[in-house]
Amino acid sequence: MLCVLQNILEAETEYSRELQSLLGSYLRPLHPTDRLSSVDIGHIQANLEDISTFQQMLVQSLEEHTKLPESQQRIGGFFLGLIPQMKKIYLTYCSNHPSAVNVLTQHSEELKEYMESKGAPPPGILALTTSLSKPFIRLDRYPTLLKELDRHMEDQHPDRADLQASMTAFKNLSAQCKEIRKKKELVLQILTEPIRNWEGDDIRTLGPVLHMSQAAVHSQNCPESNECYLLLFHHTLLMVSASLRMSGFIYQGRIPLSGMLISRIEDGENLKNAFEISGSQGERIQVACNSQHDLQEWLDLLTKHTHAPAASTHKTLSVCHTDMSRSPKNVKKLLPKRKPERKPSEEDFTVRKSTAALEEDAQILKVIEAYCTSISMFRKDVQVLFPEEEKIIVEETRSNGQTVVEERSLVDTVYSLRDEVQELKQVCLQFF
């Protein structure tokens, strides 16, 4: 047990050093430029200062616990007591992370040059993206680490119940963080991509999104229910649906919060967890939420925000466009669109003219391979991998010259790297 605990302490100490190095060497010296605004920098830095301060405290306290006799150690109770604070800082970080990735994608060249100027190994943008992903990667490790500690603990140890409770708490926190990241990624996608049949001013003029979830919407114009994403802004409730192939979004209408009336609908055979909205101009829709929790959240938020005066109103509500008739029915959960992997073809494959370019690509592949190897070495204990859920941050230069940084599953990454290797082999054959 002491050996396992010592490994946990060493890993926590190393993670703390990495955070301090990231902040001291790269993030604190990062200042606004003509292209990179203070808001962009804020998204990159997020609340890493808070996480770093917390991590230093965690290491110091854990060191004190390791000095106690094994029979007096309460590691489970120690981690269980940290959950409330960790929940606050890590949910905040994961909520911001999609915006940080968006900044890295939009300003990849500038950030690549900046990181390399500060001593980061090339490509600098990859060093930054992997560093920014470490907080939630570390968070995902706690259940496995604590399970290993539990395996070496005596059955009658007084800390065992707290240790098992902390394992469950970390699993729940990790799941919450993944869910909020997915939701924020979807919100960002809706806010930044063109929306078919959009009416009115740019969506960004509506202000920040206060809440978003998916629900089945029934309206007077459409007898059948339509799966929609509901987005709550300060003065407006916006509805969009996903296109048939999840390739984009379709505008379904909006209702001003001013004058809106909300009433809960009793559960019936065909309608559960539902409420009705009556707009100030006579429009009425019924919204069926996916859970009791979703329903209560919407009732609380709409009741709170409909009391505030609206800056302006929108004349129409169009909850049923003709495109919606082709939308998937009875779908419980629509995931954010998954970008299809590009298959190599003669049209979009540009032959490189020099071996130097090939060597550069090979170096990039080595960096990615080294990162994957370092992660696998770090994960010393045996665990089950879920390829569709395990993520990695990758940088890709597309045929148009644009550098894109994105998060992919291991499955997508393996297939993408396989295609890249095949392309490199084909080019190499032309030189030999």
Protein backbone atom coordinates (compact mmCIF):
# COMPACT_ATOMS: atom_id res chain seq x y z
CA MET A 1 0.00 0.00 0.00
CA LEU A 2 2.85 2.38 0.82
CA CYS A 3 4.33 1.82 -2.64
CA VAL A 4 1.01 2.65 -4.33
CA LEU A 5 0.57 5.74 -2.17
CA GLN A 6 4.10 6.87 -2.99
CA ASN A 7 3.35 6.51 -6.72
CA ILE A 8 0.22 8.64 -6.30
CA LEU A 9 2.22 11.31 -4.47
CA GLU A 10 4.92 11.34 -7.16
CA ALA A 11 2.29 11.66 -9.91
CA GLU A 12 0.55 14.51 -8.08
CA THR A 13 3.88 16.27 -7.55
CA GLU A 14 4.81 15.93 -11.23
CA TYR A 15 1.40 17.25 -12.29
CA SER A 16 1.87 20.25 -9.98
CA ARG A 17 5.29 20.98 -11.53
CA GLU A 18 3.83 20.76 -15.04
CA LEU A 19 1.11 23.28 -14.17
CA GLN A 20 3.62 25.70 -12.66
CA SER A 21 5.89 25.34 -15.69
CA LEU A 22 3.01 25.92 -18.12
CA LEU A 23 1.95 29.07 -16.30
CA GLY A 24 5.42 30.45 -15.61
CA SER A 25 7.03 29.71 -18.97
CA TYR A 26 4.16 30.24 -21.39
CA LEU A 27 0.81 31.52 -20.14
CA ARG A 28 1.69 34.37 -17.77
CA PRO A 29 4.02 36.03 -20.32
CA LEU A 30 1.32 35.78 -23.03
CA HIS A 31 0.06 39.29 -23.84
CA PRO A 32 -2.54 40.64 -26.30
CA THR A 33 -1.47 41.39 -29.87
CA ASP A 34 -3.18 42.81 -32.95
CA ARG A 35 -4.60 39.37 -33.67
CA LEU A 36 -4.82 37.83 -30.20
CA SER A 37 -7.20 39.67 -27.87
CA SER A 38 -7.26 39.69 -24.08
CA VAL A 39 -10.49 37.66 -24.27
CA ASP A 40 -8.68 35.01 -26.35
CA ILE A 41 -5.87 34.89 -23.80
CA GLY A 42 -8.43 34.59 -21.02
CA HIS A 43 -9.87 31.49 -22.69
CA ILE A 44 -6.39 29.95 -22.96
CA GLN A 45 -5.40 30.71 -19.38
CA ALA A 46 -8.85 29.81 -18.01
CA ASN A 47 -8.63 29.16 -14.26
CA LEU A 48 -5.30 27.33 -14.41
CA GLU A 49 -3.96 29.63 -11.68
CA ASP A 50 -6.65 28.31 -9.34
CA ILE A 51 -5.97 24.71 -10.35
CA SER A 52 -2.22 25.16 -9.82
CA THR A 53 -2.69 26.74 -6.38
CA PHE A 54 -5.06 23.95 -5.40
CA GLN A 55 -2.67 21.29 -6.68
CA GLN A 56 0.21 22.66 -4.62
CA MET A 57 -1.98 22.50 -1.51
CA LEU A 58 -3.01 18.95 -2.40
CA VAL A 59 0.62 17.81 -2.69
CA GLN A 60 1.62 19.39 0.63
CA SER A 61 -1.33 17.82 2.47
CA LEU A 62 -0.81 14.43 0.84
CA GLU A 63 2.85 14.46 1.88
CA GLU A 64 1.77 14.93 5.49
CA HIS A 65 -0.60 11.96 5.22
CA THR A 66 2.12 9.68 3.85
CA LYS A 67 4.25 10.32 6.95
CA LEU A 68 1.61 8.77 9.21
CA PRO A 69 1.64 5.06 10.13
CA GLU A 70 -0.36 3.01 7.63
CA SER A 71 -3.05 2.19 10.19
CA GLN A 72 -3.66 5.93 10.75
CA GLN A 73 -3.69 7.00 7.12
CA ARG A 74 -7.04 8.23 5.80
CA ILE A 75 -6.33 8.75 2.11
CA GLY A 76 -9.91 7.99 1.10
CA GLY A 77 -11.22 10.55 3.56
CA PHE A 78 -8.58 13.02 2.37
CA PHE A 79 -9.64 12.82 -1.30
CA LEU A 80 -13.32 12.69 -0.41
CA GLY A 81 -12.94 15.98 1.44
CA LEU A 82 -11.39 17.58 -1.66
CA ILE A 83 -14.29 16.72 -3.97
CA PRO A 84 -16.38 19.91 -3.43
CA GLN A 85 -13.44 22.20 -4.23
CA MET A 86 -12.25 20.05 -7.13
CA LYS A 87 -15.76 19.98 -8.56
CA LYS A 88 -15.88 23.76 -8.62
CA ILE A 89 -12.52 24.36 -10.30
CA TYR A 90 -12.60 21.44 -12.74
CA LEU A 91 -16.15 22.03 -13.95
CA THR A 92 -15.16 25.66 -14.56
CA TYR A 93 -12.09 24.55 -16.50
CA CYS A 94 -13.92 21.98 -18.61
CA SER A 95 -16.68 24.47 -19.36
CA ASN A 96 -14.11 26.86 -20.81
CA HIS A 97 -11.98 24.30 -22.65
CA PRO A 98 -13.95 24.21 -25.96
CA SER A 99 -13.49 27.99 -26.23
CA ALA A 100 -9.77 27.57 -25.60
CA VAL A 101 -9.54 24.95 -28.37
CA ASN A 102 -11.38 27.34 -30.68
CA VAL A 103 -8.82 30.07 -29.96
CA LEU A 104 -5.96 27.64 -30.61
CA THR A 105 -7.54 26.67 -33.93
CA GLN A 106 -8.14 30.27 -35.03
CA HIS A 107 -4.66 31.49 -34.00
CA SER A 108 -2.59 28.33 -34.44
CA GLU A 109 0.25 29.93 -36.40
CA GLU A 110 0.74 32.83 -34.01
CA LEU A 111 0.58 30.59 -30.94
CA LYS A 112 2.92 28.06 -32.56
CA GLU A 113 5.52 30.78 -33.09
CA TYR A 114 5.01 32.13 -29.58
CA MET A 115 5.42 28.75 -27.90
CA GLU A 116 8.56 27.92 -29.87
CA SER A 117 10.02 31.35 -29.09
CA LYS A 118 9.62 30.48 -25.41
CA GLY A 119 11.45 27.19 -25.81
CA ALA A 120 8.64 24.72 -26.48
CA PRO A 121 9.61 21.82 -28.77
CA PRO A 122 8.19 22.14 -32.30
CA PRO A 123 5.43 22.08 -33.24
CA GLY A 124 4.74 24.53 -30.43
CA ILE A 125 0.98 24.46 -30.85
CA LEU A 126 0.95 20.74 -30.04
CA ALA A 127 2.85 21.35 -26.81
CA LEU A 128 0.24 23.93 -25.81
CA THR A 129 -2.79 21.81 -26.70
CA THR A 130 -1.49 18.76 -24.83
CA SER A 131 -0.70 20.89 -21.79
CA LEU A 132 -4.20 22.36 -21.75
CA SER A 133 -5.71 18.87 -21.87
CA LYS A 134 -3.79 17.58 -18.85
CA PRO A 135 -6.22 18.78 -16.13
CA PHE A 136 -9.10 16.60 -17.30
CA ILE A 137 -6.76 13.76 -18.24
CA ARG A 138 -5.48 13.88 -14.67
CA LEU A 139 -9.02 13.98 -13.32
CA ASP A 140 -9.90 10.84 -15.29
CA ARG A 141 -7.04 8.98 -13.59
CA TYR A 142 -8.27 9.27 -10.00
CA PRO A 143 -10.79 6.38 -10.01
CA THR A 144 -8.13 3.97 -11.32
CA LEU A 145 -5.47 5.18 -8.88
CA LEU A 146 -7.80 4.95 -5.90
CA LYS A 147 -8.99 1.52 -7.02
CA GLU A 148 -5.39 0.32 -7.01
CA LEU A 149 -4.98 1.72 -3.51
CA ASP A 150 -8.16 -0.05 -2.44
CA ARG A 151 -6.83 -3.33 -3.84
CA HIS A 152 -3.84 -3.14 -1.50
CA MET A 153 -5.82 -2.03 1.55
CA GLU A 154 -6.82 -4.40 4.34
CA ASP A 155 -10.50 -5.35 4.34
CA GLN A 156 -11.07 -3.98 7.83
CA HIS A 157 -9.15 -0.73 7.36
CA PRO A 158 -11.24 2.16 8.78
CA ASP A 159 -10.56 4.26 5.66
CA ARG A 160 -11.92 1.73 3.20
CA ALA A 161 -15.49 3.06 3.09
CA ASP A 162 -14.30 6.62 2.40
CA LEU A 163 -11.86 5.35 -0.22
CA GLN A 164 -14.63 3.57 -2.11
CA ALA A 165 -16.90 6.60 -1.76
CA SER A 166 -14.17 8.84 -3.20
CA MET A 167 -13.78 6.48 -6.17
CA THR A 168 -17.48 6.86 -6.95
CA ALA A 169 -17.32 10.62 -6.44
CA PHE A 170 -14.42 10.97 -8.90
CA LYS A 171 -16.21 8.83 -11.49
CA ASN A 172 -19.24 11.08 -11.22
CA LEU A 173 -17.13 14.23 -11.42
CA SER A 174 -15.28 12.93 -14.48
CA ALA A 175 -18.60 12.11 -16.17
CA GLN A 176 -19.93 15.59 -15.34
CA CYS A 177 -16.85 17.21 -16.85
CA LYS A 178 -17.18 15.20 -20.06
CA GLU A 179 -20.86 16.08 -20.32
CA ILE A 180 -20.29 19.79 -19.83
CA ARG A 181 -17.47 19.80 -22.39
CA LYS A 182 -19.73 18.12 -24.95
CA LYS A 183 -22.49 20.61 -24.25
CA LYS A 184 -20.16 23.61 -24.51
CA GLU A 185 -18.69 22.24 -27.74
CA LEU A 186 -22.20 22.00 -29.16
CA VAL A 187 -23.10 25.54 -28.04
CA LEU A 188 -19.91 26.87 -29.64
CA GLN A 189 -20.72 24.99 -32.84
CA ILE A 190 -24.21 26.51 -32.99
CA LEU A 191 -22.87 30.02 -32.33
CA THR A 192 -20.07 29.88 -34.91
CA GLU A 193 -21.50 27.89 -37.83
CA PRO A 194 -24.07 29.14 -40.37
CA ILE A 195 -27.66 28.22 -39.42
CA ARG A 196 -29.99 27.35 -42.28
CA ASN A 197 -33.10 29.54 -42.65
CA TRP A 198 -31.81 31.99 -40.02
CA GLU A 199 -33.92 35.12 -39.51
CA GLY A 200 -32.88 38.41 -37.97
CA ASP A 201 -29.56 39.78 -36.73
CA ASP A 202 -26.45 37.70 -36.20
CA ILE A 203 -26.88 35.12 -33.43
CA ARG A 204 -23.98 36.67 -31.52
CA THR A 205 -26.03 39.82 -30.95
CA LEU A 206 -28.27 37.79 -28.62
CA GLY A 207 -25.54 37.71 -25.97
CA PRO A 208 -24.19 34.77 -23.97
CA VAL A 209 -26.00 31.42 -23.82
CA LEU A 210 -27.35 30.94 -20.29
CA HIS A 211 -28.55 27.38 -20.76
CA MET A 212 -28.91 24.79 -23.51
CA SER A 213 -30.45 21.34 -23.76
CA GLN A 214 -32.32 19.13 -26.18
CA ALA A 215 -36.06 18.52 -26.03
CA ALA A 216 -39.03 17.45 -28.15
CA VAL A 217 -41.06 20.48 -29.24
CA HIS A 218 -44.77 20.38 -30.18
CA SER A 219 -46.35 23.43 -31.82
CA GLN A 220 -49.68 24.47 -33.29
CA ASN A 221 -48.17 24.34 -36.79
CA CYS A 222 -46.64 20.87 -36.41
CA PRO A 223 -48.73 18.00 -35.01
CA GLU A 224 -45.63 15.80 -34.72
CA SER A 225 -42.90 16.47 -32.18
CA ASN A 226 -39.56 17.76 -33.41
CA GLU A 227 -36.24 17.28 -31.68
CA CYS A 228 -34.78 20.73 -31.05
CA TYR A 229 -31.95 22.34 -29.18
CA LEU A 230 -33.29 25.08 -26.91
CA LEU A 231 -30.88 27.92 -26.15
CA LEU A 232 -31.72 30.45 -23.46
CA PHE A 233 -30.37 33.98 -23.87
CA HIS A 234 -31.04 36.98 -21.61
CA HIS A 235 -34.06 38.11 -23.62
CA THR A 236 -34.83 35.26 -26.03
CA LEU A 237 -35.51 31.53 -26.17
CA LEU A 238 -34.02 30.20 -29.43
CA MET A 239 -34.79 26.87 -31.08
CA VAL A 240 -32.65 25.10 -33.68
CA SER A 241 -32.69 21.52 -34.95
CA ALA A 242 -29.95 19.32 -36.35
CA SER A 243 -30.03 18.54 -40.05
CA LEU A 244 -30.75 14.99 -41.16
CA ARG A 245 -27.09 14.02 -41.47
CA MET A 246 -25.97 16.11 -38.50
CA SER A 247 -24.05 18.32 -40.92
CA GLY A 248 -25.47 21.59 -39.61
CA PHE A 249 -28.34 23.31 -37.86
CA ILE A 250 -31.73 24.62 -38.96
CA TYR A 251 -33.47 27.64 -37.48
CA GLN A 252 -36.82 26.71 -35.90
CA GLY A 253 -37.86 29.97 -34.27
CA ARG A 254 -37.50 32.13 -31.21
CA ILE A 255 -39.75 33.54 -28.51
CA PRO A 256 -39.02 36.76 -26.58
CA LEU A 257 -38.95 36.24 -22.83
CA SER A 258 -40.89 39.45 -22.27
CA GLY A 259 -44.54 38.51 -21.65
CA MET A 260 -43.81 34.78 -21.79
CA LEU A 261 -45.98 32.51 -19.62
CA ILE A 262 -44.75 29.09 -18.48
CA SER A 263 -46.93 26.31 -17.12
CA ARG A 264 -46.07 22.74 -16.26
CA ILE A 265 -47.99 19.91 -17.95
CA GLU A 266 -49.04 16.89 -15.92
CA ASP A 267 -47.41 13.64 -17.02
CA GLY A 268 -49.52 11.51 -19.34
CA GLU A 269 -49.11 8.46 -21.53
CA ASN A 270 -47.66 10.36 -24.49
CA LEU A 271 -46.17 13.40 -22.79
CA LYS A 272 -43.86 13.39 -19.78
CA ASN A 273 -41.52 15.93 -18.18
CA ALA A 274 -43.21 18.66 -20.23
CA PHE A 275 -44.17 22.31 -19.93
CA GLU A 276 -46.05 24.80 -22.11
CA ILE A 277 -44.86 28.20 -23.27
CA SER A 278 -47.29 30.95 -24.25
CA GLY A 279 -45.72 33.92 -26.02
CA SER A 280 -46.87 37.52 -25.82
CA GLN A 281 -48.24 37.35 -29.38
CA GLY A 282 -50.33 34.19 -28.97
CA GLU A 283 -47.72 31.62 -29.97
CA ARG A 284 -47.86 28.38 -27.96
CA ILE A 285 -45.52 25.41 -27.84
CA GLN A 286 -45.16 22.35 -25.66
CA VAL A 287 -41.68 21.22 -24.65
CA ALA A 288 -41.00 17.64 -23.51
CA CYS A 289 -37.68 17.38 -21.69
CA ASN A 290 -35.45 14.32 -21.54
CA SER A 291 -35.60 14.04 -17.74
CA GLN A 292 -37.23 15.38 -14.61
CA HIS A 293 -34.01 17.25 -13.84
CA ASP A 294 -34.04 18.98 -17.24
CA LEU A 295 -37.68 19.95 -16.74
CA GLN A 296 -37.08 21.52 -13.33
CA GLU A 297 -34.01 23.35 -14.60
CA TRP A 298 -35.97 24.93 -17.46
CA LEU A 299 -38.88 25.87 -15.22
CA ASP A 300 -36.55 27.56 -12.73
CA LEU A 301 -34.54 29.42 -15.38
CA LEU A 302 -37.50 30.59 -17.45
CA THR A 303 -39.40 31.71 -14.36
CA LYS A 304 -36.36 33.68 -13.24
CA HIS A 305 -35.58 35.35 -16.57
CA THR A 306 -39.09 36.09 -17.80
CA HIS A 307 -39.40 38.58 -14.95
CA ALA A 308 -36.57 40.67 -16.40
CA PRO A 309 -37.49 43.35 -18.99
CA ALA A 310 -36.54 42.50 -22.56
CA ALA A 311 -34.55 44.88 -24.73
CA SER A 312 -36.47 43.96 -27.88
CA THR A 313 -38.92 41.39 -29.22
CA HIS A 314 -39.09 39.29 -32.33
CA LYS A 315 -42.27 39.19 -34.34
CA THR A 316 -42.48 35.60 -35.50
CA LEU A 317 -42.23 32.09 -34.22
CA SER A 318 -41.59 29.43 -36.82
CA VAL A 319 -41.17 26.16 -35.04
CA CYS A 320 -41.78 23.99 -38.11
CA HIS A 321 -39.85 24.63 -41.30
CA THR A 322 -40.30 22.25 -44.20
CA ASP A 323 -36.79 20.89 -43.65
CA MET A 324 -37.88 19.67 -40.25
CA SER A 325 -40.22 17.13 -41.81
CA ARG A 326 -37.14 15.18 -42.79
CA SER A 327 -35.60 15.30 -39.33
CA PRO A 328 -35.06 12.08 -37.41
CA LYS A 329 -38.02 11.20 -35.18
CA ASN A 330 -37.98 9.75 -31.68
CA VAL A 331 -34.27 10.36 -31.28
CA LYS A 332 -33.46 10.56 -27.58
CA LYS A 333 -30.09 12.23 -27.93
CA LEU A 334 -28.45 13.95 -30.87
CA LEU A 335 -24.72 14.20 -30.49
CA PRO A 336 -22.69 17.07 -31.91
CA LYS A 337 -21.83 16.45 -35.52
CA ARG A 338 -18.80 14.33 -36.06
CA LYS A 339 -16.54 15.58 -38.80
CA PRO A 340 -15.96 12.85 -41.40
CA GLU A 341 -12.38 11.81 -41.86
CA ARG A 342 -10.94 12.89 -45.20
CA LYS A 343 -10.06 9.98 -47.48
CA PRO A 344 -6.96 10.53 -49.58
CA SER A 345 -7.69 11.10 -53.25
CA GLU A 346 -5.76 12.28 -56.26
CA GLU A 347 -7.70 15.54 -56.31
CA ASP A 348 -6.96 16.77 -52.80
CA PHE A 349 -3.55 15.16 -52.31
CA THR A 350 -0.77 17.63 -53.00
CA VAL A 351 2.60 16.00 -53.78
CA ARG A 352 5.41 17.52 -51.76
CA LYS A 353 8.41 18.69 -53.76
CA SER A 354 11.24 18.10 -51.29
CA THR A 355 12.46 15.52 -48.80
CA ALA A 356 12.69 18.31 -46.21
CA ALA A 357 8.90 18.53 -46.15
CA LEU A 358 8.71 14.77 -45.71
CA GLU A 359 11.16 14.92 -42.83
CA GLU A 360 9.07 17.65 -41.21
CA ASP A 361 5.96 15.45 -41.41
CA ALA A 362 7.91 12.55 -39.99
CA GLN A 363 9.01 14.70 -37.06
CA ILE A 364 5.41 15.71 -36.38
CA LEU A 365 4.38 12.06 -36.39
CA LYS A 366 7.21 11.31 -33.97
CA VAL A 367 5.95 14.03 -31.63
CA ILE A 368 2.45 12.54 -31.68
CA GLU A 369 3.88 9.06 -31.17
CA ALA A 370 6.01 10.28 -28.27
CA TYR A 371 2.99 11.91 -26.68
CA CYS A 372 0.95 8.70 -27.01
CA THR A 373 3.88 6.69 -25.60
CA SER A 374 4.30 9.06 -22.66
CA ILE A 375 0.63 8.74 -21.83
CA SER A 376 0.79 4.94 -22.02
CA MET A 377 3.92 4.87 -19.83
CA PHE A 378 2.22 7.13 -17.34
CA ARG A 379 -0.71 4.70 -17.13
CA LYS A 380 1.23 1.92 -15.47
CA ASP A 381 -1.73 -0.03 -14.15
CA VAL A 382 -3.97 -2.16 -16.33
CA GLN A 383 -7.20 -0.54 -17.46
CA VAL A 384 -9.88 -0.99 -20.09
CA LEU A 385 -9.74 1.47 -22.98
CA PHE A 386 -12.85 2.62 -24.78
CA PRO A 387 -11.51 3.76 -28.18
CA GLU A 388 -14.53 5.96 -28.96
CA GLU A 389 -14.16 7.79 -25.63
CA GLU A 390 -10.37 8.08 -25.29
CA LYS A 391 -9.29 11.41 -26.74
CA ILE A 392 -6.09 12.93 -28.08
CA ILE A 393 -5.29 16.44 -29.28
CA VAL A 394 -3.83 16.48 -32.81
CA GLU A 395 -2.62 19.13 -35.23
CA GLU A 396 -3.33 18.70 -38.95
CA THR A 397 -2.26 20.77 -41.94
CA ARG A 398 -4.93 20.46 -44.60
CA SER A 399 -4.50 20.61 -48.37
CA ASN A 400 -5.40 24.32 -48.41
CA GLY A 401 -2.53 25.08 -46.05
CA GLN A 402 -4.73 25.74 -43.01
CA THR A 403 -3.47 24.31 -39.72
CA VAL A 404 -6.25 22.91 -37.56
CA VAL A 405 -5.97 21.72 -33.96
CA GLU A 406 -8.75 19.44 -32.81
CA GLU A 407 -9.66 16.71 -30.37
CA ARG A 408 -10.22 13.24 -31.82
CA SER A 409 -11.00 9.79 -30.52
CA LEU A 410 -8.25 7.17 -30.67
CA VAL A 411 -10.15 5.37 -33.43
CA ASP A 412 -10.27 8.46 -35.63
CA THR A 413 -6.61 9.23 -34.89
CA VAL A 414 -5.42 5.73 -35.79
CA TYR A 415 -7.25 5.75 -39.12
CA SER A 416 -6.05 9.27 -39.88
CA LEU A 417 -2.42 8.38 -39.10
CA ARG A 418 -2.73 5.21 -41.19
CA ASP A 419 -3.85 7.27 -44.18
CA GLU A 420 -1.04 9.76 -43.58
CA VAL A 421 1.57 6.98 -43.48
CA GLN A 422 0.22 5.55 -46.74
CA GLU A 423 0.48 8.99 -48.35
CA LEU A 424 4.06 9.41 -47.11
CA LYS A 425 4.99 5.97 -48.48
CA GLN A 426 3.57 6.89 -51.88
CA VAL A 427 5.56 10.10 -51.98
CA CYS A 428 8.75 8.40 -50.78
CA LEU A 429 8.48 5.89 -53.65
CA GLN A 430 8.73 8.79 -56.09
CA PHE A 431 12.19 9.68 -54.75
CA PHE A 432 13.69 6.19 -54.75
